[in-house]
Amino acid sequence: MDNKIIQELIDRYVTVSFQVHKKAESLIKGQLSNELTNDQHFTLRYIHQSGECTSTELADAFQVNKSAITAIINRMADRGLIQRTRDENDRRVVYLTLTDEGINLYQNCQEKVTLLVESIITQFNETEITTFINTYEKLALILDNMKQEELGGIESESDN
């Protein structure tokens, strides 16, 4: 592929990626109304899917500093959505689970998000959406591998 075509594809990718990310984020926020922020929703979703986790797992999953996760968890714990439980064998480890109120709020918000996403993906035929999701998953894997290589390079540099 020549450089001009590559540059055009890069420009299209950057533009559409920004537009999709911002608009989807805004639409999801609209469904959550004032009940949750997008970060809180994704935090509830992660904990709900995993059953329990630690703040370190959340920070790793969302690729943010632990302090950012701690701030989110504190606000949600104060609202009674998340419960902290210390590991009996290692008191330094704190497990996060959803309270009944957290589960109910998550399920309520998730129903709204599901309806939103369904209204979007049903505008594509099954082949289009399956191909898109497969391609998007491949992109996620490529990005994850690049991130792991980057982290491996940083660890190697710090070993010197």
Protein backbone atom coordinates (compact mmCIF):
# COMPACT_ATOMS: atom_id res chain seq x y z
CA MET A 1 0.00 0.00 0.00
CA ASP A 2 1.36 3.42 -0.83
CA ASN A 3 1.91 6.13 1.79
CA LYS A 4 -0.95 8.32 0.56
CA ILE A 5 -3.50 5.51 1.00
CA ILE A 6 -2.05 4.61 4.40
CA GLN A 7 -2.31 8.25 5.53
CA GLU A 8 -5.93 8.48 4.32
CA LEU A 9 -6.80 5.29 6.22
CA ILE A 10 -5.07 6.60 9.35
CA ASP A 11 -7.03 9.87 9.13
CA ARG A 12 -10.31 8.01 8.64
CA TYR A 13 -9.52 5.68 11.55
CA VAL A 14 -8.61 8.49 13.95
CA THR A 15 -11.68 10.53 12.99
CA VAL A 16 -14.20 7.69 13.21
CA SER A 17 -12.64 6.27 16.37
CA PHE A 18 -12.97 9.63 18.14
CA GLN A 19 -16.53 10.17 16.89
CA VAL A 20 -17.74 6.70 17.84
CA HIS A 21 -16.07 6.79 21.26
CA LYS A 22 -17.43 10.23 22.19
CA LYS A 23 -20.93 9.68 20.83
CA ALA A 24 -21.28 6.20 22.34
CA GLU A 25 -20.02 7.49 25.68
CA SER A 26 -22.56 10.32 25.55
CA LEU A 27 -25.44 8.02 24.60
CA ILE A 28 -24.57 5.58 27.39
CA LYS A 29 -24.30 8.44 29.88
CA GLY A 30 -27.77 9.55 28.75
CA GLN A 31 -29.13 6.09 29.58
CA LEU A 32 -27.47 6.11 33.00
CA SER A 33 -28.88 9.60 33.69
CA ASN A 34 -27.71 10.79 37.09
CA GLU A 35 -27.59 7.31 38.64
CA LEU A 36 -24.00 6.46 37.65
CA THR A 37 -21.05 7.84 35.75
CA ASN A 38 -19.76 5.73 32.84
CA ASP A 39 -16.72 4.75 34.95
CA GLN A 40 -18.97 3.67 37.82
CA HIS A 41 -21.15 1.66 35.42
CA PHE A 42 -18.13 -0.15 33.97
CA THR A 43 -16.84 -0.76 37.50
CA LEU A 44 -20.17 -2.30 38.56
CA ARG A 45 -20.19 -4.34 35.35
CA TYR A 46 -16.69 -5.71 35.98
CA ILE A 47 -17.43 -6.63 39.59
CA HIS A 48 -20.79 -8.14 38.64
CA GLN A 49 -19.18 -10.31 35.95
CA SER A 50 -16.27 -11.40 38.14
CA GLY A 51 -18.29 -11.92 41.33
CA GLU A 52 -15.50 -10.35 43.36
CA CYS A 53 -12.24 -8.62 42.60
CA THR A 54 -9.63 -6.32 44.09
CA SER A 55 -8.98 -2.68 43.30
CA THR A 56 -5.66 -3.74 41.75
CA GLU A 57 -7.53 -6.02 39.32
CA LEU A 58 -9.83 -3.12 38.41
CA ALA A 59 -6.90 -0.76 37.87
CA ASP A 60 -5.23 -3.35 35.63
CA ALA A 61 -8.44 -4.07 33.70
CA PHE A 62 -9.15 -0.38 33.07
CA GLN A 63 -5.46 0.53 32.69
CA VAL A 64 -5.60 3.39 35.17
CA ASN A 65 -3.78 4.24 38.36
CA LYS A 66 -4.96 2.54 41.52
CA SER A 67 -5.74 5.97 43.00
CA ALA A 68 -8.33 6.59 40.26
CA ILE A 69 -10.02 3.27 41.05
CA THR A 70 -9.88 3.98 44.78
CA ALA A 71 -11.75 7.26 44.27
CA ILE A 72 -14.49 5.51 42.28
CA ILE A 73 -14.75 2.66 44.79
CA ASN A 74 -14.93 5.06 47.74
CA ARG A 75 -17.85 6.98 46.20
CA MET A 76 -19.66 3.76 45.35
CA ALA A 77 -19.03 2.22 48.78
CA ASP A 78 -20.34 5.43 50.40
CA ARG A 79 -23.53 4.98 48.35
CA GLY A 80 -23.85 1.38 49.53
CA LEU A 81 -23.25 -0.14 46.08
CA ILE A 82 -19.98 -1.94 46.80
CA GLN A 83 -18.90 -3.91 49.84
CA ARG A 84 -15.29 -4.36 50.93
CA THR A 85 -14.21 -7.60 52.59
CA ARG A 86 -10.71 -8.26 53.91
CA ASP A 87 -9.04 -11.56 53.11
CA GLU A 88 -8.88 -13.64 56.29
CA ASN A 89 -5.38 -14.92 55.48
CA ASP A 90 -3.89 -11.65 54.23
CA ARG A 91 -5.48 -8.53 55.73
CA ARG A 92 -3.80 -6.35 53.08
CA VAL A 93 -6.04 -7.87 50.40
CA VAL A 94 -9.52 -6.34 50.12
CA TYR A 95 -12.17 -7.99 47.96
CA LEU A 96 -14.88 -5.94 46.32
CA THR A 97 -18.38 -7.30 45.78
CA LEU A 98 -21.69 -5.72 44.89
CA THR A 99 -24.30 -5.17 47.55
CA ASP A 100 -27.92 -5.99 46.77
CA GLU A 101 -28.44 -2.30 46.03
CA GLY A 102 -25.41 -2.35 43.71
CA ILE A 103 -26.73 -5.42 41.88
CA ASN A 104 -30.18 -3.85 41.45
CA LEU A 105 -28.75 -0.56 40.17
CA TYR A 106 -26.38 -2.36 37.81
CA GLN A 107 -29.17 -4.52 36.39
CA ASN A 108 -31.43 -1.49 35.94
CA CYS A 109 -28.73 0.48 34.14
CA GLN A 110 -27.61 -2.54 32.13
CA GLU A 111 -31.15 -3.05 30.80
CA LYS A 112 -31.11 0.53 29.49
CA VAL A 113 -27.66 0.14 27.94
CA THR A 114 -28.68 -3.17 26.37
CA LEU A 115 -31.71 -1.55 24.73
CA LEU A 116 -29.50 1.27 23.43
CA VAL A 117 -26.89 -1.08 21.98
CA GLU A 118 -29.60 -3.33 20.55
CA SER A 119 -31.15 -0.34 18.77
CA ILE A 120 -27.76 0.31 17.18
CA ILE A 121 -26.66 -3.18 16.20
CA THR A 122 -30.04 -4.16 14.75
CA GLN A 123 -29.42 -1.53 12.06
CA PHE A 124 -26.83 -3.93 10.62
CA ASN A 125 -27.49 -7.36 9.17
CA GLU A 126 -26.10 -10.32 11.10
CA THR A 127 -23.10 -10.78 8.82
CA GLU A 128 -22.14 -7.09 9.04
CA ILE A 129 -22.34 -6.93 12.84
CA THR A 130 -20.59 -10.28 13.33
CA THR A 131 -17.79 -9.24 10.98
CA PHE A 132 -17.52 -5.87 12.72
CA ILE A 133 -17.38 -7.40 16.21
CA ASN A 134 -14.81 -9.98 15.09
CA THR A 135 -12.68 -7.21 13.59
CA TYR A 136 -13.11 -5.05 16.70
CA GLU A 137 -12.07 -7.97 18.91
CA LYS A 138 -9.02 -8.49 16.70
CA LEU A 139 -8.16 -4.79 17.09
CA ALA A 140 -8.52 -5.11 20.88
CA LEU A 141 -6.16 -8.10 20.85
CA ILE A 142 -3.60 -6.26 18.71
CA LEU A 143 -3.75 -3.25 21.04
CA ASP A 144 -3.47 -5.49 24.11
CA ASN A 145 -0.42 -7.22 22.63
CA MET A 146 1.17 -3.85 21.83
CA LYS A 147 0.48 -2.68 25.39
CA GLN A 148 2.05 -5.85 26.80
CA GLU A 149 5.12 -5.38 24.58
CA GLU A 150 5.34 -1.76 25.75
CA LEU A 151 5.16 -2.85 29.39
CA GLY A 152 7.73 -5.56 28.74
CA GLY A 153 10.06 -2.92 27.29
CA ILE A 154 9.56 -0.67 30.31
CA GLU A 155 10.31 -3.56 32.70
CA SER A 156 13.43 -4.45 30.70
CA GLU A 157 14.65 -0.84 30.88
CA SER A 158 14.09 -0.71 34.63
CA ASP A 159 16.05 -3.94 35.06
CA ASN A 160 19.18 -2.25 33.63
